[in-house]
Amino acid sequence: MDLEWQQTIMLLNQLYMTTLAVNGVKVVQNLRCGSPDTIACLNCVPDGVMCATSTLGCADTESELDLSFAEKLFATRPGKLLLYGKHDPIMEHQSDVAGVPYKVYPDVHTLYKRQPRI
């Protein structure tokens, strides 16, 4: 997708989320974004807000040297983080290093696999 279009969509979503927040609706900032060049769109997120991100549909973080997730954490400085999807120990470690408390929520496929078969 075109970078300018990605940035426009992200900023429009943030504008709508601001409208909700001003009207008393509790919101959680999503850290998923398109290209790494759109991370700058997260700079306007106030420090300390709760953020969420998902690993669904994403490749595993292969190396501690992959700092794309850490870059999002330092762009937003979330107060709390919700991680949804498959287990990614590198993302969890980067959250620990950044001092961001997090909670991991397994995806429905993982939960289904844990259920005993009848």
PDB file of N, CA and C in Angstrom:
ATOM      1  N   MET A   1       0.856  -1.174   0.000  1.00  0.00           N
ATOM      2  CA  MET A   1       0.000   0.000   0.000  1.00  0.00           C
ATOM      3  C   MET A   1       0.900   1.233   0.000  1.00  0.00           C
ATOM      4  N   ASP A   2       0.472   2.232  -0.673  1.00  0.00           N
ATOM      5  CA  ASP A   2       1.184   3.495  -0.779  1.00  0.00           C
ATOM      6  C   ASP A   2       1.426   4.107   0.612  1.00  0.00           C
ATOM      7  N   LEU A   3       2.641   4.575   0.873  1.00  0.00           N
ATOM      8  CA  LEU A   3       3.001   5.120   2.186  1.00  0.00           C
ATOM      9  C   LEU A   3       2.102   6.294   2.581  1.00  0.00           C
ATOM     10  N   GLU A   4       1.855   7.200   1.670  1.00  0.00           N
ATOM     11  CA  GLU A   4       1.023   8.362   1.992  1.00  0.00           C
ATOM     12  C   GLU A   4      -0.396   7.928   2.367  1.00  0.00           C
ATOM     13  N   TRP A   5      -0.914   6.920   1.701  1.00  0.00           N
ATOM     14  CA  TRP A   5      -2.252   6.408   2.008  1.00  0.00           C
ATOM     15  C   TRP A   5      -2.257   5.761   3.392  1.00  0.00           C
ATOM     16  N   GLN A   6      -1.218   4.967   3.723  1.00  0.00           N
ATOM     17  CA  GLN A   6      -1.119   4.360   5.056  1.00  0.00           C
ATOM     18  C   GLN A   6      -1.111   5.431   6.139  1.00  0.00           C
ATOM     19  N   GLN A   7      -0.300   6.471   5.938  1.00  0.00           N
ATOM     20  CA  GLN A   7      -0.218   7.547   6.929  1.00  0.00           C
ATOM     21  C   GLN A   7      -1.559   8.269   7.070  1.00  0.00           C
ATOM     22  N   THR A   8      -2.237   8.494   5.972  1.00  0.00           N
ATOM     23  CA  THR A   8      -3.541   9.160   6.012  1.00  0.00           C
ATOM     24  C   THR A   8      -4.545   8.333   6.804  1.00  0.00           C
ATOM     25  N   ILE A   9      -4.591   7.033   6.548  1.00  0.00           N
ATOM     26  CA  ILE A   9      -5.512   6.157   7.263  1.00  0.00           C
ATOM     27  C   ILE A   9      -5.203   6.153   8.758  1.00  0.00           C
ATOM     28  N   MET A  10      -3.915   6.039   9.110  1.00  0.00           N
ATOM     29  CA  MET A  10      -3.541   6.031  10.533  1.00  0.00           C
ATOM     30  C   MET A  10      -3.941   7.335  11.215  1.00  0.00           C
ATOM     31  N   LEU A  11      -3.684   8.452  10.574  1.00  0.00           N
ATOM     32  CA  LEU A  11      -4.008   9.735  11.191  1.00  0.00           C
ATOM     33  C   LEU A  11      -5.518   9.963  11.290  1.00  0.00           C
ATOM     34  N   LEU A  12      -6.271   9.510  10.295  1.00  0.00           N
ATOM     35  CA  LEU A  12      -7.735   9.610  10.379  1.00  0.00           C
ATOM     36  C   LEU A  12      -8.275   8.744  11.513  1.00  0.00           C
ATOM     37  N   ASN A  13      -7.716   7.547  11.678  1.00  0.00           N
ATOM     38  CA  ASN A  13      -8.121   6.681  12.792  1.00  0.00           C
ATOM     39  C   ASN A  13      -7.820   7.343  14.132  1.00  0.00           C
ATOM     40  N   GLN A  14      -6.660   7.989  14.240  1.00  0.00           N
ATOM     41  CA  GLN A  14      -6.307   8.666  15.483  1.00  0.00           C
ATOM     42  C   GLN A  14      -7.230   9.852  15.739  1.00  0.00           C
ATOM     43  N   LEU A  15      -7.593  10.566  14.699  1.00  0.00           N
ATOM     44  CA  LEU A  15      -8.518  11.693  14.859  1.00  0.00           C
ATOM     45  C   LEU A  15      -9.871  11.206  15.373  1.00  0.00           C
ATOM     46  N   TYR A  16     -10.353  10.098  14.809  1.00  0.00           N
ATOM     47  CA  TYR A  16     -11.625   9.543  15.273  1.00  0.00           C
ATOM     48  C   TYR A  16     -11.498   9.048  16.717  1.00  0.00           C
ATOM     49  N   MET A  17     -10.366   8.411  17.050  1.00  0.00           N
ATOM     50  CA  MET A  17     -10.157   7.924  18.418  1.00  0.00           C
ATOM     51  C   MET A  17     -10.126   9.101  19.397  1.00  0.00           C
ATOM     52  N   THR A  18      -9.565  10.215  18.978  1.00  0.00           N
ATOM     53  CA  THR A  18      -9.552  11.414  19.821  1.00  0.00           C
ATOM     54  C   THR A  18     -10.976  11.901  20.073  1.00  0.00           C
ATOM     55  N   THR A  19     -11.798  11.876  19.047  1.00  0.00           N
ATOM     56  CA  THR A  19     -13.203  12.277  19.193  1.00  0.00           C
ATOM     57  C   THR A  19     -13.912  11.382  20.207  1.00  0.00           C
ATOM     58  N   LEU A  20     -13.653  10.073  20.123  1.00  0.00           N
ATOM     59  CA  LEU A  20     -14.254   9.153  21.090  1.00  0.00           C
ATOM     60  C   LEU A  20     -13.778   9.472  22.511  1.00  0.00           C
ATOM     61  N   ALA A  21     -12.461   9.644  22.682  1.00  0.00           N
ATOM     62  CA  ALA A  21     -11.890   9.887  24.016  1.00  0.00           C
ATOM     63  C   ALA A  21     -12.433  11.171  24.627  1.00  0.00           C
ATOM     64  N   VAL A  22     -12.536  12.223  23.831  1.00  0.00           N
ATOM     65  CA  VAL A  22     -13.058  13.504  24.329  1.00  0.00           C
ATOM     66  C   VAL A  22     -14.500  13.353  24.793  1.00  0.00           C
ATOM     67  N   ASN A  23     -15.220  12.409  24.204  1.00  0.00           N
ATOM     68  CA  ASN A  23     -16.623  12.174  24.569  1.00  0.00           C
ATOM     69  C   ASN A  23     -16.783  11.070  25.600  1.00  0.00           C
ATOM     70  N   GLY A  24     -15.699  10.731  26.300  1.00  0.00           N
ATOM     71  CA  GLY A  24     -15.781   9.816  27.432  1.00  0.00           C
ATOM     72  C   GLY A  24     -15.660   8.335  27.115  1.00  0.00           C
ATOM     73  N   VAL A  25     -15.403   7.982  25.867  1.00  0.00           N
ATOM     74  CA  VAL A  25     -15.248   6.571  25.502  1.00  0.00           C
ATOM     75  C   VAL A  25     -13.802   6.168  25.765  1.00  0.00           C
ATOM     76  N   LYS A  26     -13.628   5.109  26.543  1.00  0.00           N
ATOM     77  CA  LYS A  26     -12.276   4.634  26.834  1.00  0.00           C
ATOM     78  C   LYS A  26     -11.735   3.909  25.606  1.00  0.00           C
ATOM     79  N   VAL A  27     -10.524   4.258  25.199  1.00  0.00           N
ATOM     80  CA  VAL A  27      -9.916   3.673  24.008  1.00  0.00           C
ATOM     81  C   VAL A  27      -8.532   3.125  24.337  1.00  0.00           C
ATOM     82  N   VAL A  28      -8.082   2.205  23.518  1.00  0.00           N
ATOM     83  CA  VAL A  28      -6.747   1.626  23.627  1.00  0.00           C
ATOM     84  C   VAL A  28      -6.057   1.847  22.292  1.00  0.00           C
ATOM     85  N   GLN A  29      -4.871   2.428  22.324  1.00  0.00           N
ATOM     86  CA  GLN A  29      -4.121   2.703  21.099  1.00  0.00           C
ATOM     87  C   GLN A  29      -3.578   1.403  20.514  1.00  0.00           C
ATOM     88  N   ASN A  30      -3.809   1.179  19.231  1.00  0.00           N
ATOM     89  CA  ASN A  30      -3.289   0.010  18.541  1.00  0.00           C
ATOM     90  C   ASN A  30      -1.901   0.343  17.995  1.00  0.00           C
ATOM     91  N   LEU A  31      -0.925  -0.528  18.262  1.00  0.00           N
ATOM     92  CA  LEU A  31       0.435  -0.293  17.783  1.00  0.00           C
ATOM     93  C   LEU A  31       0.714  -0.904  16.418  1.00  0.00           C
ATOM     94  N   ARG A  32      -0.233  -1.647  15.880  1.00  0.00           N
ATOM     95  CA  ARG A  32       0.003  -2.216  14.550  1.00  0.00           C
ATOM     96  C   ARG A  32      -0.008  -1.095  13.527  1.00  0.00           C
ATOM     97  N   CYS A  33       0.942  -1.153  12.650  1.00  0.00           N
ATOM     98  CA  CYS A  33       0.990  -0.173  11.574  1.00  0.00           C
ATOM     99  C   CYS A  33       1.523  -0.874  10.331  1.00  0.00           C
ATOM    100  N   GLY A  34       1.448  -0.209   9.223  1.00  0.00           N
ATOM    101  CA  GLY A  34       1.889  -0.797   7.968  1.00  0.00           C
ATOM    102  C   GLY A  34       3.403  -0.830   7.884  1.00  0.00           C
ATOM    103  N   SER A  35       3.919  -0.034   7.039  1.00  0.00           N
ATOM    104  CA  SER A  35       5.360   0.000   6.813  1.00  0.00           C
ATOM    105  C   SER A  35       6.061   0.643   8.008  1.00  0.00           C
ATOM    106  N   PRO A  36       7.329   0.319   8.214  1.00  0.00           N
ATOM    107  CA  PRO A  36       8.087   0.964   9.308  1.00  0.00           C
ATOM    108  C   PRO A  36       8.109   2.484   9.192  1.00  0.00           C
ATOM    109  N   ASP A  37       7.900   3.004   8.000  1.00  0.00           N
ATOM    110  CA  ASP A  37       7.901   4.456   7.812  1.00  0.00           C
ATOM    111  C   ASP A  37       6.688   5.130   8.437  1.00  0.00           C
ATOM    112  N   THR A  38       5.685   4.355   8.858  1.00  0.00           N
ATOM    113  CA  THR A  38       4.486   4.955   9.467  1.00  0.00           C
ATOM    114  C   THR A  38       4.600   5.064  10.985  1.00  0.00           C
ATOM    115  N   ILE A  39       5.684   4.585  11.563  1.00  0.00           N
ATOM    116  CA  ILE A  39       5.855   4.642  13.017  1.00  0.00           C
ATOM    117  C   ILE A  39       5.798   6.088  13.510  1.00  0.00           C
ATOM    118  N   ALA A  40       6.234   7.029  12.689  1.00  0.00           N
ATOM    119  CA  ALA A  40       6.191   8.442  13.080  1.00  0.00           C
ATOM    120  C   ALA A  40       4.767   8.895  13.388  1.00  0.00           C
ATOM    121  N   CYS A  41       3.761   8.217  12.819  1.00  0.00           N
ATOM    122  CA  CYS A  41       2.354   8.569  13.101  1.00  0.00           C
ATOM    123  C   CYS A  41       1.995   8.293  14.559  1.00  0.00           C
ATOM    124  N   LEU A  42       2.781   7.464  15.229  1.00  0.00           N
ATOM    125  CA  LEU A  42       2.504   7.136  16.630  1.00  0.00           C
ATOM    126  C   LEU A  42       3.079   8.176  17.595  1.00  0.00           C
ATOM    127  N   ASN A  43       3.891   9.104  17.091  1.00  0.00           N
ATOM    128  CA  ASN A  43       4.524  10.092  17.965  1.00  0.00           C
ATOM    129  C   ASN A  43       3.532  11.020  18.647  1.00  0.00           C
ATOM    130  N   CYS A  44       2.331  11.165  18.093  1.00  0.00           N
ATOM    131  CA  CYS A  44       1.353  12.075  18.689  1.00  0.00           C
ATOM    132  C   CYS A  44       0.536  11.408  19.794  1.00  0.00           C
ATOM    133  N   VAL A  45       0.764  10.123  20.035  1.00  0.00           N
ATOM    134  CA  VAL A  45       0.041   9.418  21.098  1.00  0.00           C
ATOM    135  C   VAL A  45       0.592   9.890  22.448  1.00  0.00           C
ATOM    136  N   PRO A  46      -0.270  10.327  23.359  1.00  0.00           N
ATOM    137  CA  PRO A  46       0.217  10.792  24.670  1.00  0.00           C
ATOM    138  C   PRO A  46       0.917   9.670  25.442  1.00  0.00           C
ATOM    139  N   ASP A  47       1.968  10.018  26.173  1.00  0.00           N
ATOM    140  CA  ASP A  47       2.671   9.040  27.014  1.00  0.00           C
ATOM    141  C   ASP A  47       1.716   8.480  28.057  1.00  0.00           C
ATOM    142  N   GLY A  48       1.901   7.209  28.377  1.00  0.00           N
ATOM    143  CA  GLY A  48       1.175   6.600  29.472  1.00  0.00           C
ATOM    144  C   GLY A  48      -0.162   5.981  29.118  1.00  0.00           C
ATOM    145  N   VAL A  49      -0.609   6.085  27.864  1.00  0.00           N
ATOM    146  CA  VAL A  49      -1.887   5.469  27.508  1.00  0.00           C
ATOM    147  C   VAL A  49      -1.709   3.960  27.358  1.00  0.00           C
ATOM    148  N   MET A  50      -2.797   3.230  27.478  1.00  0.00           N
ATOM    149  CA  MET A  50      -2.749   1.784  27.275  1.00  0.00           C
ATOM    150  C   MET A  50      -2.700   1.516  25.773  1.00  0.00           C
ATOM    151  N   CYS A  51      -1.841   0.575  25.392  1.00  0.00           N
ATOM    152  CA  CYS A  51      -1.702   0.211  23.987  1.00  0.00           C
ATOM    153  C   CYS A  51      -1.898  -1.287  23.823  1.00  0.00           C
ATOM    154  N   ALA A  52      -2.232  -1.682  22.625  1.00  0.00           N
ATOM    155  CA  ALA A  52      -2.408  -3.095  22.298  1.00  0.00           C
ATOM    156  C   ALA A  52      -1.708  -3.377  20.981  1.00  0.00           C
ATOM    157  N   THR A  53      -1.244  -4.598  20.850  1.00  0.00           N
ATOM    158  CA  THR A  53      -0.674  -5.039  19.579  1.00  0.00           C
ATOM    159  C   THR A  53      -0.888  -6.531  19.446  1.00  0.00           C
ATOM    160  N   SER A  54      -0.852  -6.988  18.228  1.00  0.00           N
ATOM    161  CA  SER A  54      -1.109  -8.391  17.951  1.00  0.00           C
ATOM    162  C   SER A  54       0.023  -8.975  17.128  1.00  0.00           C
ATOM    163  N   THR A  55       0.290 -10.242  17.355  1.00  0.00           N
ATOM    164  CA  THR A  55       1.286 -10.948  16.557  1.00  0.00           C
ATOM    165  C   THR A  55       0.619 -11.782  15.477  1.00  0.00           C
ATOM    166  N   LEU A  56      -0.702 -11.771  15.426  1.00  0.00           N
ATOM    167  CA  LEU A  56      -1.405 -12.566  14.425  1.00  0.00           C
ATOM    168  C   LEU A  56      -1.098 -12.047  13.027  1.00  0.00           C
ATOM    169  N   GLY A  57      -0.750 -12.961  12.146  1.00  0.00           N
ATOM    170  CA  GLY A  57      -0.431 -12.594  10.773  1.00  0.00           C
ATOM    171  C   GLY A  57       0.952 -12.016  10.603  1.00  0.00           C
ATOM    172  N   CYS A  58       1.747 -12.010  11.660  1.00  0.00           N
ATOM    173  CA  CYS A  58       3.093 -11.455  11.607  1.00  0.00           C
ATOM    174  C   CYS A  58       4.124 -12.570  11.726  1.00  0.00           C
ATOM    175  N   ALA A  59       5.249 -12.370  11.091  1.00  0.00           N
ATOM    176  CA  ALA A  59       6.355 -13.313  11.245  1.00  0.00           C
ATOM    177  C   ALA A  59       6.923 -13.167  12.651  1.00  0.00           C
ATOM    178  N   ASP A  60       7.487 -14.247  13.181  1.00  0.00           N
ATOM    179  CA  ASP A  60       8.126 -14.195  14.494  1.00  0.00           C
ATOM    180  C   ASP A  60       9.295 -13.219  14.463  1.00  0.00           C
ATOM    181  N   THR A  61       9.516 -12.522  15.571  1.00  0.00           N
ATOM    182  CA  THR A  61      10.690 -11.682  15.694  1.00  0.00           C
ATOM    183  C   THR A  61      11.883 -12.624  15.794  1.00  0.00           C
ATOM    184  N   GLU A  62      12.774 -12.572  14.843  1.00  0.00           N
ATOM    185  CA  GLU A  62      13.836 -13.567  14.746  1.00  0.00           C
ATOM    186  C   GLU A  62      15.086 -13.223  15.540  1.00  0.00           C
ATOM    187  N   SER A  63      15.262 -11.957  15.893  1.00  0.00           N
ATOM    188  CA  SER A  63      16.510 -11.560  16.525  1.00  0.00           C
ATOM    189  C   SER A  63      16.271 -10.432  17.519  1.00  0.00           C
ATOM    190  N   GLU A  64      17.068 -10.431  18.575  1.00  0.00           N
ATOM    191  CA  GLU A  64      17.036  -9.315  19.538  1.00  0.00           C
ATOM    192  C   GLU A  64      17.434  -8.005  18.853  1.00  0.00           C
ATOM    193  N   LEU A  65      18.111  -8.114  17.722  1.00  0.00           N
ATOM    194  CA  LEU A  65      18.550  -6.923  16.993  1.00  0.00           C
ATOM    195  C   LEU A  65      17.429  -6.308  16.154  1.00  0.00           C
ATOM    196  N   ASP A  66      16.298  -7.005  16.029  1.00  0.00           N
ATOM    197  CA  ASP A  66      15.134  -6.456  15.342  1.00  0.00           C
ATOM    198  C   ASP A  66      14.437  -5.519  16.323  1.00  0.00           C
ATOM    199  N   LEU A  67      14.582  -4.247  16.115  1.00  0.00           N
ATOM    200  CA  LEU A  67      14.074  -3.259  17.065  1.00  0.00           C
ATOM    201  C   LEU A  67      12.801  -2.571  16.588  1.00  0.00           C
ATOM    202  N   SER A  68      12.117  -3.157  15.603  1.00  0.00           N
ATOM    203  CA  SER A  68      10.915  -2.497  15.089  1.00  0.00           C
ATOM    204  C   SER A  68       9.830  -2.387  16.165  1.00  0.00           C
ATOM    205  N   PHE A  69       9.667  -3.416  16.987  1.00  0.00           N
ATOM    206  CA  PHE A  69       8.676  -3.346  18.063  1.00  0.00           C
ATOM    207  C   PHE A  69       9.137  -2.374  19.150  1.00  0.00           C
ATOM    208  N   ALA A  70      10.400  -2.439  19.508  1.00  0.00           N
ATOM    209  CA  ALA A  70      10.938  -1.526  20.526  1.00  0.00           C
ATOM    210  C   ALA A  70      10.792  -0.074  20.072  1.00  0.00           C
ATOM    211  N   GLU A  71      10.955   0.171  18.783  1.00  0.00           N
ATOM    212  CA  GLU A  71      10.801   1.527  18.258  1.00  0.00           C
ATOM    213  C   GLU A  71       9.372   2.034  18.487  1.00  0.00           C
ATOM    214  N   LYS A  72       8.387   1.152  18.323  1.00  0.00           N
ATOM    215  CA  LYS A  72       6.997   1.534  18.584  1.00  0.00           C
ATOM    216  C   LYS A  72       6.796   1.847  20.069  1.00  0.00           C
ATOM    217  N   LEU A  73       7.426   1.036  20.934  1.00  0.00           N
ATOM    218  CA  LEU A  73       7.299   1.280  22.374  1.00  0.00           C
ATOM    219  C   LEU A  73       7.878   2.637  22.758  1.00  0.00           C
ATOM    220  N   PHE A  74       9.021   2.978  22.194  1.00  0.00           N
ATOM    221  CA  PHE A  74       9.643   4.250  22.545  1.00  0.00           C
ATOM    222  C   PHE A  74       8.960   5.436  21.860  1.00  0.00           C
ATOM    223  N   ALA A  75       8.239   5.180  20.762  1.00  0.00           N
ATOM    224  CA  ALA A  75       7.475   6.257  20.107  1.00  0.00           C
ATOM    225  C   ALA A  75       6.233   6.601  20.918  1.00  0.00           C
ATOM    226  N   THR A  76       5.637   5.601  21.585  1.00  0.00           N
ATOM    227  CA  THR A  76       4.372   5.824  22.294  1.00  0.00           C
ATOM    228  C   THR A  76       4.507   5.895  23.808  1.00  0.00           C
ATOM    229  N   ARG A  77       5.512   5.244  24.383  1.00  0.00           N
ATOM    230  CA  ARG A  77       5.706   5.193  25.839  1.00  0.00           C
ATOM    231  C   ARG A  77       4.413   4.793  26.557  1.00  0.00           C
ATOM    232  N   PRO A  78       3.868   3.590  26.237  1.00  0.00           N
ATOM    233  CA  PRO A  78       2.593   3.190  26.855  1.00  0.00           C
ATOM    234  C   PRO A  78       2.717   2.953  28.353  1.00  0.00           C
ATOM    235  N   GLY A  79       1.610   3.194  29.058  1.00  0.00           N
ATOM    236  CA  GLY A  79       1.557   2.898  30.482  1.00  0.00           C
ATOM    237  C   GLY A  79       1.385   1.408  30.721  1.00  0.00           C
ATOM    238  N   LYS A  80       0.620   0.765  29.853  1.00  0.00           N
ATOM    239  CA  LYS A  80       0.397  -0.684  29.892  1.00  0.00           C
ATOM    240  C   LYS A  80       0.296  -1.167  28.460  1.00  0.00           C
ATOM    241  N   LEU A  81       0.554  -2.465  28.279  1.00  0.00           N
ATOM    242  CA  LEU A  81       0.533  -3.036  26.945  1.00  0.00           C
ATOM    243  C   LEU A  81      -0.223  -4.355  26.956  1.00  0.00           C
ATOM    244  N   LEU A  82      -1.098  -4.541  25.984  1.00  0.00           N
ATOM    245  CA  LEU A  82      -1.821  -5.786  25.800  1.00  0.00           C
ATOM    246  C   LEU A  82      -1.230  -6.465  24.570  1.00  0.00           C
ATOM    247  N   LEU A  83      -0.707  -7.684  24.741  1.00  0.00           N
ATOM    248  CA  LEU A  83      -0.150  -8.459  23.630  1.00  0.00           C
ATOM    249  C   LEU A  83      -1.110  -9.589  23.319  1.00  0.00           C
ATOM    250  N   TYR A  84      -1.578  -9.646  22.082  1.00  0.00           N
ATOM    251  CA  TYR A  84      -2.555 -10.644  21.688  1.00  0.00           C
ATOM    252  C   TYR A  84      -1.979 -11.507  20.573  1.00  0.00           C
ATOM    253  N   GLY A  85      -2.129 -12.813  20.729  1.00  0.00           N
ATOM    254  CA  GLY A  85      -1.706 -13.716  19.658  1.00  0.00           C
ATOM    255  C   GLY A  85      -0.647 -14.691  20.104  1.00  0.00           C
ATOM    256  N   LYS A  86       0.121 -15.166  19.137  1.00  0.00           N
ATOM    257  CA  LYS A  86       1.129 -16.168  19.438  1.00  0.00           C
ATOM    258  C   LYS A  86       2.247 -15.578  20.298  1.00  0.00           C
ATOM    259  N   HIS A  87       2.847 -16.425  21.091  1.00  0.00           N
ATOM    260  CA  HIS A  87       3.898 -16.038  22.033  1.00  0.00           C
ATOM    261  C   HIS A  87       5.134 -15.537  21.280  1.00  0.00           C
ATOM    262  N   ASP A  88       5.619 -14.370  21.632  1.00  0.00           N
ATOM    263  CA  ASP A  88       6.832 -13.803  21.045  1.00  0.00           C
ATOM    264  C   ASP A  88       7.734 -13.333  22.179  1.00  0.00           C
ATOM    265  N   PRO A  89       8.665 -14.215  22.622  1.00  0.00           N
ATOM    266  CA  PRO A  89       9.502 -13.865  23.775  1.00  0.00           C
ATOM    267  C   PRO A  89      10.380 -12.640  23.544  1.00  0.00           C
ATOM    268  N   ILE A  90      10.738 -12.352  22.322  1.00  0.00           N
ATOM    269  CA  ILE A  90      11.574 -11.171  22.065  1.00  0.00           C
ATOM    270  C   ILE A  90      10.764  -9.895  22.299  1.00  0.00           C
ATOM    271  N   MET A  91       9.506  -9.877  21.861  1.00  0.00           N
ATOM    272  CA  MET A  91       8.657  -8.711  22.121  1.00  0.00           C
ATOM    273  C   MET A  91       8.457  -8.520  23.621  1.00  0.00           C
ATOM    274  N   GLU A  92       8.271  -9.622  24.336  1.00  0.00           N
ATOM    275  CA  GLU A  92       8.095  -9.532  25.782  1.00  0.00           C
ATOM    276  C   GLU A  92       9.365  -9.013  26.449  1.00  0.00           C
ATOM    277  N   HIS A  93      10.510  -9.490  25.998  1.00  0.00           N
ATOM    278  CA  HIS A  93      11.781  -9.026  26.557  1.00  0.00           C
ATOM    279  C   HIS A  93      11.984  -7.534  26.277  1.00  0.00           C
ATOM    280  N   GLN A  94      11.663  -7.096  25.060  1.00  0.00           N
ATOM    281  CA  GLN A  94      11.797  -5.681  24.732  1.00  0.00           C
ATOM    282  C   GLN A  94      10.858  -4.825  25.580  1.00  0.00           C
ATOM    283  N   SER A  95       9.683  -5.347  25.884  1.00  0.00           N
ATOM    284  CA  SER A  95       8.756  -4.626  26.772  1.00  0.00           C
ATOM    285  C   SER A  95       9.341  -4.512  28.167  1.00  0.00           C
ATOM    286  N   ASP A  96       9.951  -5.603  28.650  1.00  0.00           N
ATOM    287  CA  ASP A  96      10.596  -5.579  29.963  1.00  0.00           C
ATOM    288  C   ASP A  96      11.716  -4.542  30.003  1.00  0.00           C
ATOM    289  N   VAL A  97      12.562  -4.542  28.971  1.00  0.00           N
ATOM    290  CA  VAL A  97      13.686  -3.603  28.915  1.00  0.00           C
ATOM    291  C   VAL A  97      13.187  -2.157  28.874  1.00  0.00           C
ATOM    292  N   ALA A  98      12.086  -1.922  28.161  1.00  0.00           N
ATOM    293  CA  ALA A  98      11.524  -0.570  28.065  1.00  0.00           C
ATOM    294  C   ALA A  98      10.762  -0.172  29.325  1.00  0.00           C
ATOM    295  N   GLY A  99      10.564  -1.139  30.238  1.00  0.00           N
ATOM    296  CA  GLY A  99       9.844  -0.846  31.477  1.00  0.00           C
ATOM    297  C   GLY A  99       8.347  -0.729  31.279  1.00  0.00           C
ATOM    298  N   VAL A 100       7.818  -1.407  30.279  1.00  0.00           N
ATOM    299  CA  VAL A 100       6.382  -1.340  29.990  1.00  0.00           C
ATOM    300  C   VAL A 100       5.721  -2.621  30.499  1.00  0.00           C
ATOM    301  N   PRO A 101       4.833  -2.519  31.493  1.00  0.00           N
ATOM    302  CA  PRO A 101       4.131  -3.715  31.957  1.00  0.00           C
ATOM    303  C   PRO A 101       3.171  -4.208  30.871  1.00  0.00           C
ATOM    304  N   TYR A 102       3.073  -5.531  30.745  1.00  0.00           N
ATOM    305  CA  TYR A 102       2.232  -6.087  29.690  1.00  0.00           C
ATOM    306  C   TYR A 102       1.476  -7.310  30.179  1.00  0.00           C
ATOM    307  N   LYS A 103       0.436  -7.641  29.463  1.00  0.00           N
ATOM    308  CA  LYS A 103      -0.330  -8.857  29.705  1.00  0.00           C
ATOM    309  C   LYS A 103      -0.508  -9.533  28.354  1.00  0.00           C
ATOM    310  N   VAL A 104      -0.297 -10.850  28.340  1.00  0.00           N
ATOM    311  CA  VAL A 104      -0.399 -11.619  27.102  1.00  0.00           C
ATOM    312  C   VAL A 104      -1.751 -12.321  27.055  1.00  0.00           C
ATOM    313  N   TYR A 105      -2.437 -12.179  25.939  1.00  0.00           N
ATOM    314  CA  TYR A 105      -3.704 -12.849  25.703  1.00  0.00           C
ATOM    315  C   TYR A 105      -3.522 -13.800  24.527  1.00  0.00           C
ATOM    316  N   PRO A 106      -3.747 -15.096  24.749  1.00  0.00           N
ATOM    317  CA  PRO A 106      -3.605 -16.037  23.628  1.00  0.00           C
ATOM    318  C   PRO A 106      -4.741 -15.850  22.623  1.00  0.00           C
ATOM    319  N   ASP A 107      -4.457 -16.186  21.373  1.00  0.00           N
ATOM    320  CA  ASP A 107      -5.487 -16.088  20.350  1.00  0.00           C
ATOM    321  C   ASP A 107      -6.426 -17.285  20.442  1.00  0.00           C
ATOM    322  N   VAL A 108      -7.531 -17.210  19.729  1.00  0.00           N
ATOM    323  CA  VAL A 108      -8.557 -18.242  19.821  1.00  0.00           C
ATOM    324  C   VAL A 108      -8.042 -19.601  19.351  1.00  0.00           C
ATOM    325  N   HIS A 109      -7.134 -19.632  18.385  1.00  0.00           N
ATOM    326  CA  HIS A 109      -6.599 -20.915  17.912  1.00  0.00           C
ATOM    327  C   HIS A 109      -5.783 -21.600  19.005  1.00  0.00           C
ATOM    328  N   THR A 110      -4.994 -20.827  19.726  1.00  0.00           N
ATOM    329  CA  THR A 110      -4.208 -21.381  20.833  1.00  0.00           C
ATOM    330  C   THR A 110      -5.132 -21.894  21.929  1.00  0.00           C
ATOM    331  N   LEU A 111      -6.152 -21.128  22.260  1.00  0.00           N
ATOM    332  CA  LEU A 111      -7.109 -21.562  23.279  1.00  0.00           C
ATOM    333  C   LEU A 111      -7.826 -22.842  22.844  1.00  0.00           C
ATOM    334  N   TYR A 112      -8.195 -22.916  21.591  1.00  0.00           N
ATOM    335  CA  TYR A 112      -8.883 -24.094  21.078  1.00  0.00           C
ATOM    336  C   TYR A 112      -7.997 -25.334  21.178  1.00  0.00           C
ATOM    337  N   LYS A 113      -6.721 -25.180  20.850  1.00  0.00           N
ATOM    338  CA  LYS A 113      -5.792 -26.314  20.908  1.00  0.00           C
ATOM    339  C   LYS A 113      -5.591 -26.814  22.339  1.00  0.00           C
ATOM    340  N   ARG A 114      -5.766 -25.940  23.323  1.00  0.00           N
ATOM    341  CA  ARG A 114      -5.601 -26.326  24.723  1.00  0.00           C
ATOM    342  C   ARG A 114      -6.789 -27.113  25.255  1.00  0.00           C
ATOM    343  N   GLN A 115      -7.929 -27.004  24.591  1.00  0.00           N
ATOM    344  CA  GLN A 115      -9.142 -27.680  25.064  1.00  0.00           C
ATOM    345  C   GLN A 115      -9.000 -29.187  24.875  1.00  0.00           C
ATOM    346  N   PRO A 116      -9.401 -29.955  25.897  1.00  0.00           N
ATOM    347  CA  PRO A 116      -9.340 -31.418  25.752  1.00  0.00           C
ATOM    348  C   PRO A 116     -10.335 -31.884  24.688  1.00  0.00           C
ATOM    349  N   ARG A 117      -9.902 -32.856  23.923  1.00  0.00           N
ATOM    350  CA  ARG A 117     -10.770 -33.436  22.890  1.00  0.00           C
ATOM    351  C   ARG A 117     -11.714 -34.452  23.507  1.00  0.00           C
ATOM    352  N   ILE A 118     -12.935 -34.458  23.068  1.00  0.00           N
ATOM    353  CA  ILE A 118     -13.929 -35.403  23.605  1.00  0.00           C
ATOM    354  C   ILE A 118     -14.092 -36.554  22.639  1.00  0.00           C
TER     355      ILE A 118
END
